């Protein structure tokens, strides 16, 4: 599976988020996925977009996924734990969860 599969998945869910009035919570599941971290080393996995009822922009989605890509690279090199993006699930109207495989 190529990186284009990942890009298509992100674009597909982004079309349901961009333009939506916030706040919208995206649970990245990054620290939950990494079983090698002790609880004291885990950080918050939830990022809020569109605070104060503002519409979510494509720029916000790009910034979020760029930041997540950097974070995953950093954590993979630190812990040797793999992260394979498997998509996003909509939990409610304003809540989404990113799924990871190993």
N, C-alpha and C. Protein backbone atom coordinates (compact mmCIF):
# COMPACT_ATOMS: atom_id res chain seq x y z
N UNK A 1 0.85 -1.17 0.00
CA UNK A 1 0.00 0.00 0.00
C UNK A 1 0.89 1.24 0.00
N UNK A 2 0.60 2.16 -0.88
CA UNK A 2 1.44 3.37 -0.99
C UNK A 2 0.96 4.46 -0.06
N UNK A 3 1.77 5.51 0.01
CA UNK A 3 1.39 6.69 0.79
C UNK A 3 0.15 7.37 0.22
N UNK A 4 -0.14 7.13 -1.05
CA UNK A 4 -1.33 7.73 -1.66
C UNK A 4 -2.61 7.21 -1.02
N UNK A 5 -2.58 5.96 -0.56
CA UNK A 5 -3.73 5.42 0.16
C UNK A 5 -3.99 6.24 1.41
N UNK A 6 -2.94 6.55 2.14
CA UNK A 6 -3.05 7.37 3.35
C UNK A 6 -3.57 8.76 3.00
N UNK A 7 -3.03 9.35 1.96
CA UNK A 7 -3.47 10.68 1.55
C UNK A 7 -4.96 10.66 1.20
N UNK A 8 -5.38 9.65 0.48
CA UNK A 8 -6.80 9.55 0.10
C UNK A 8 -7.69 9.43 1.33
N UNK A 9 -7.27 8.65 2.31
CA UNK A 9 -8.05 8.49 3.55
C UNK A 9 -8.16 9.82 4.29
N UNK A 10 -7.05 10.55 4.38
CA UNK A 10 -7.04 11.83 5.08
C UNK A 10 -7.93 12.84 4.35
N UNK A 11 -7.83 12.88 3.03
CA UNK A 11 -8.67 13.81 2.26
C UNK A 11 -10.15 13.47 2.39
N UNK A 12 -10.45 12.19 2.40
CA UNK A 12 -11.85 11.77 2.51
C UNK A 12 -12.48 12.23 3.82
N UNK A 13 -11.79 12.02 4.92
CA UNK A 13 -12.35 12.45 6.21
C UNK A 13 -12.27 13.97 6.35
N UNK A 14 -11.27 14.59 5.75
CA UNK A 14 -11.13 16.05 5.84
C UNK A 14 -12.31 16.76 5.21
N UNK A 15 -12.86 16.19 4.15
CA UNK A 15 -13.99 16.85 3.51
C UNK A 15 -15.21 16.90 4.43
N UNK A 16 -15.26 16.01 5.43
CA UNK A 16 -16.34 16.03 6.41
C UNK A 16 -16.04 16.98 7.58
N UNK A 17 -14.80 17.41 7.70
CA UNK A 17 -14.40 18.27 8.82
C UNK A 17 -14.24 19.73 8.39
N UNK A 18 -13.62 19.95 7.24
CA UNK A 18 -13.37 21.31 6.77
C UNK A 18 -14.71 22.02 6.53
N UNK A 19 -14.83 23.22 7.07
CA UNK A 19 -16.06 24.00 6.96
C UNK A 19 -17.02 23.79 8.10
N UNK A 20 -16.79 22.75 8.89
CA UNK A 20 -17.64 22.47 10.06
C UNK A 20 -17.32 23.49 11.14
N UNK A 21 -18.35 23.93 11.84
CA UNK A 21 -18.13 24.84 12.96
C UNK A 21 -17.63 24.02 14.15
N UNK A 22 -16.61 24.55 14.78
CA UNK A 22 -16.00 23.85 15.91
C UNK A 22 -16.74 24.13 17.20
N UNK A 23 -16.27 23.61 18.25
CA UNK A 23 -15.02 22.84 18.29
C UNK A 23 -15.22 21.39 17.85
N UNK A 24 -14.19 20.87 17.21
CA UNK A 24 -14.14 19.47 16.81
C UNK A 24 -12.89 18.88 17.46
N UNK A 25 -13.07 17.76 18.13
CA UNK A 25 -11.95 17.08 18.77
C UNK A 25 -11.46 15.93 17.91
N UNK A 26 -10.16 15.87 17.70
CA UNK A 26 -9.55 14.76 16.96
C UNK A 26 -8.61 14.05 17.92
N UNK A 27 -8.99 12.83 18.27
CA UNK A 27 -8.17 12.01 19.16
C UNK A 27 -7.18 11.26 18.28
N UNK A 28 -5.92 11.63 18.38
CA UNK A 28 -4.89 11.05 17.51
C UNK A 28 -4.51 9.63 17.92
N UNK A 29 -4.72 9.28 19.16
CA UNK A 29 -4.39 7.94 19.63
C UNK A 29 -2.91 7.62 19.61
N UNK A 30 -2.07 8.62 19.41
CA UNK A 30 -0.63 8.38 19.26
C UNK A 30 -0.02 7.83 20.55
N UNK A 31 -0.30 8.45 21.65
CA UNK A 31 0.30 7.98 22.91
C UNK A 31 -0.38 6.71 23.40
N UNK A 32 -1.68 6.56 23.13
CA UNK A 32 -2.37 5.31 23.49
C UNK A 32 -1.79 4.14 22.71
N UNK A 33 -1.45 4.39 21.45
CA UNK A 33 -0.93 3.33 20.58
C UNK A 33 0.45 2.85 21.04
N UNK A 34 1.23 3.73 21.61
CA UNK A 34 2.59 3.38 21.97
C UNK A 34 2.62 2.77 23.37
N UNK A 35 2.65 1.46 23.40
CA UNK A 35 2.61 0.72 24.67
C UNK A 35 3.91 0.82 25.45
N UNK A 36 4.95 1.36 24.83
CA UNK A 36 6.25 1.43 25.49
C UNK A 36 6.39 2.63 26.42
N UNK A 37 5.43 3.56 26.35
CA UNK A 37 5.49 4.73 27.22
C UNK A 37 4.87 4.42 28.57
N UNK A 38 5.53 4.92 29.60
CA UNK A 38 4.91 4.88 30.92
C UNK A 38 3.87 6.00 30.96
N UNK A 39 2.88 5.87 31.82
CA UNK A 39 1.81 6.87 31.90
C UNK A 39 2.35 8.27 32.10
N UNK A 40 3.42 8.40 32.87
CA UNK A 40 3.98 9.73 33.14
C UNK A 40 4.57 10.38 31.90
N UNK A 41 4.92 9.58 30.87
CA UNK A 41 5.51 10.10 29.65
C UNK A 41 4.48 10.37 28.55
N UNK A 42 3.25 9.94 28.78
CA UNK A 42 2.21 10.13 27.77
C UNK A 42 1.67 11.55 27.84
N UNK A 43 1.34 12.07 26.67
CA UNK A 43 0.75 13.41 26.58
C UNK A 43 -0.66 13.28 26.04
N UNK A 44 -1.34 14.39 25.96
CA UNK A 44 -2.72 14.39 25.49
C UNK A 44 -2.78 14.03 24.02
N UNK A 45 -3.69 13.14 23.67
CA UNK A 45 -3.88 12.71 22.30
C UNK A 45 -4.97 13.52 21.57
N UNK A 46 -5.70 14.36 22.27
CA UNK A 46 -6.84 15.06 21.67
C UNK A 46 -6.45 16.48 21.28
N UNK A 47 -6.72 16.82 20.04
CA UNK A 47 -6.48 18.16 19.52
C UNK A 47 -7.83 18.76 19.13
N UNK A 48 -8.01 20.01 19.48
CA UNK A 48 -9.27 20.71 19.19
C UNK A 48 -9.06 21.66 18.02
N UNK A 49 -9.99 21.62 17.09
CA UNK A 49 -9.99 22.53 15.94
C UNK A 49 -11.27 23.34 15.96
N UNK A 50 -11.20 24.56 15.44
CA UNK A 50 -12.38 25.40 15.33
C UNK A 50 -12.92 25.89 16.66
N UNK A 51 -12.02 26.26 17.54
CA UNK A 51 -12.44 26.75 18.85
C UNK A 51 -13.39 27.94 18.70
N UNK A 52 -14.22 28.15 19.68
CA UNK A 52 -15.16 29.28 19.74
C UNK A 52 -16.14 29.29 18.56
N UNK A 53 -16.47 28.13 18.03
CA UNK A 53 -17.47 28.05 16.97
C UNK A 53 -16.98 28.47 15.60
N UNK A 54 -15.67 28.63 15.43
CA UNK A 54 -15.11 29.00 14.13
C UNK A 54 -15.12 27.81 13.18
N UNK A 55 -15.24 28.10 11.89
CA UNK A 55 -15.18 27.04 10.89
C UNK A 55 -13.76 26.49 10.78
N UNK A 56 -13.67 25.21 10.59
CA UNK A 56 -12.37 24.56 10.44
C UNK A 56 -11.90 24.72 9.00
N UNK A 57 -10.64 25.08 8.84
CA UNK A 57 -10.08 25.33 7.51
C UNK A 57 -9.18 24.18 7.07
N UNK A 58 -8.94 24.12 5.78
CA UNK A 58 -8.01 23.14 5.25
C UNK A 58 -6.60 23.39 5.78
N UNK A 59 -6.26 24.65 6.02
CA UNK A 59 -4.95 24.97 6.58
C UNK A 59 -4.78 24.37 7.96
N UNK A 60 -5.84 24.36 8.76
CA UNK A 60 -5.77 23.75 10.09
C UNK A 60 -5.56 22.24 9.98
N UNK A 61 -6.22 21.61 9.02
CA UNK A 61 -6.05 20.16 8.83
C UNK A 61 -4.63 19.85 8.38
N UNK A 62 -4.11 20.65 7.46
CA UNK A 62 -2.73 20.45 6.98
C UNK A 62 -1.75 20.61 8.14
N UNK A 63 -1.94 21.66 8.94
CA UNK A 63 -1.05 21.89 10.08
C UNK A 63 -1.12 20.74 11.08
N UNK A 64 -2.33 20.24 11.35
CA UNK A 64 -2.49 19.13 12.29
C UNK A 64 -1.76 17.89 11.79
N UNK A 65 -1.99 17.51 10.53
CA UNK A 65 -1.37 16.28 10.04
C UNK A 65 0.13 16.44 9.83
N UNK A 66 0.60 17.63 9.54
CA UNK A 66 2.05 17.87 9.45
C UNK A 66 2.70 17.72 10.82
N UNK A 67 2.05 18.28 11.83
CA UNK A 67 2.56 18.17 13.20
C UNK A 67 2.54 16.70 13.65
N UNK A 68 1.47 15.97 13.31
CA UNK A 68 1.37 14.57 13.70
C UNK A 68 2.44 13.73 13.00
N UNK A 69 2.72 14.04 11.75
CA UNK A 69 3.76 13.32 11.02
C UNK A 69 5.11 13.50 11.70
N UNK A 70 5.43 14.73 12.09
CA UNK A 70 6.68 14.99 12.80
C UNK A 70 6.73 14.27 14.14
N UNK A 71 5.60 14.28 14.86
CA UNK A 71 5.55 13.62 16.16
C UNK A 71 5.72 12.11 16.02
N UNK A 72 5.05 11.51 15.05
CA UNK A 72 5.18 10.07 14.84
C UNK A 72 6.62 9.71 14.48
N UNK A 73 7.25 10.49 13.61
CA UNK A 73 8.66 10.23 13.26
C UNK A 73 9.55 10.28 14.50
N UNK A 74 9.34 11.29 15.33
CA UNK A 74 10.13 11.44 16.55
C UNK A 74 9.91 10.26 17.49
N UNK A 75 8.67 9.87 17.68
CA UNK A 75 8.37 8.77 18.61
C UNK A 75 8.86 7.43 18.07
N UNK A 76 8.77 7.24 16.76
CA UNK A 76 9.27 5.98 16.18
C UNK A 76 10.77 5.85 16.39
N UNK A 77 11.50 6.93 16.20
CA UNK A 77 12.96 6.85 16.37
C UNK A 77 13.34 6.71 17.84
N UNK A 78 12.49 7.22 18.71
CA UNK A 78 12.78 7.14 20.15
C UNK A 78 12.44 5.76 20.73
N UNK A 79 11.34 5.16 20.28
CA UNK A 79 10.85 3.93 20.91
C UNK A 79 10.89 2.70 20.00
N UNK A 80 11.13 2.91 18.71
CA UNK A 80 11.12 1.83 17.71
C UNK A 80 9.74 1.20 17.57
N UNK A 81 8.72 1.88 18.02
CA UNK A 81 7.34 1.43 17.86
C UNK A 81 6.83 1.94 16.52
N UNK A 82 6.22 1.08 15.72
CA UNK A 82 5.74 1.51 14.41
C UNK A 82 4.33 2.11 14.48
N UNK A 83 4.06 2.95 13.52
CA UNK A 83 2.74 3.58 13.38
C UNK A 83 2.34 3.48 11.91
N UNK A 84 1.26 2.83 11.62
CA UNK A 84 0.72 2.77 10.26
C UNK A 84 -0.68 3.33 10.28
N UNK A 85 -0.86 4.45 9.60
CA UNK A 85 -2.15 5.12 9.56
C UNK A 85 -3.17 4.20 8.89
N UNK A 86 -4.29 3.96 9.57
CA UNK A 86 -5.34 3.10 9.04
C UNK A 86 -6.65 3.83 8.82
N UNK A 87 -6.65 5.15 9.02
CA UNK A 87 -7.85 5.92 8.76
C UNK A 87 -8.35 6.64 9.99
N UNK A 88 -9.51 7.28 9.82
CA UNK A 88 -10.15 7.99 10.91
C UNK A 88 -11.59 7.52 11.02
N UNK A 89 -12.06 7.48 12.24
CA UNK A 89 -13.43 7.08 12.53
C UNK A 89 -14.15 8.27 13.13
N UNK A 90 -15.37 8.52 12.68
CA UNK A 90 -16.17 9.58 13.27
C UNK A 90 -16.95 8.97 14.43
N UNK A 91 -16.68 9.47 15.64
CA UNK A 91 -17.32 8.95 16.85
C UNK A 91 -18.65 9.64 17.12
N UNK A 92 -18.71 10.91 16.81
CA UNK A 92 -19.95 11.69 16.95
C UNK A 92 -19.85 12.85 15.97
N UNK A 93 -20.80 13.75 16.01
CA UNK A 93 -20.81 14.87 15.07
C UNK A 93 -19.52 15.69 15.15
N UNK A 94 -18.95 15.82 16.34
CA UNK A 94 -17.76 16.66 16.53
C UNK A 94 -16.59 15.92 17.15
N UNK A 95 -16.55 14.60 17.00
CA UNK A 95 -15.43 13.83 17.55
C UNK A 95 -14.96 12.80 16.53
N UNK A 96 -13.63 12.75 16.37
CA UNK A 96 -13.02 11.82 15.43
C UNK A 96 -11.85 11.12 16.12
N UNK A 97 -11.54 9.91 15.65
CA UNK A 97 -10.46 9.12 16.22
C UNK A 97 -9.59 8.59 15.09
N UNK A 98 -8.28 8.74 15.21
CA UNK A 98 -7.34 8.21 14.23
C UNK A 98 -6.95 6.79 14.62
N UNK A 99 -7.02 5.89 13.65
CA UNK A 99 -6.70 4.47 13.90
C UNK A 99 -5.29 4.18 13.39
N UNK A 100 -4.55 3.42 14.18
CA UNK A 100 -3.17 3.05 13.86
C UNK A 100 -3.02 1.54 13.86
N UNK A 101 -2.15 1.06 13.01
CA UNK A 101 -1.73 -0.34 13.02
C UNK A 101 -0.25 -0.39 13.32
N UNK A 102 0.24 -1.59 13.58
CA UNK A 102 1.66 -1.76 13.89
C UNK A 102 2.31 -2.69 12.89
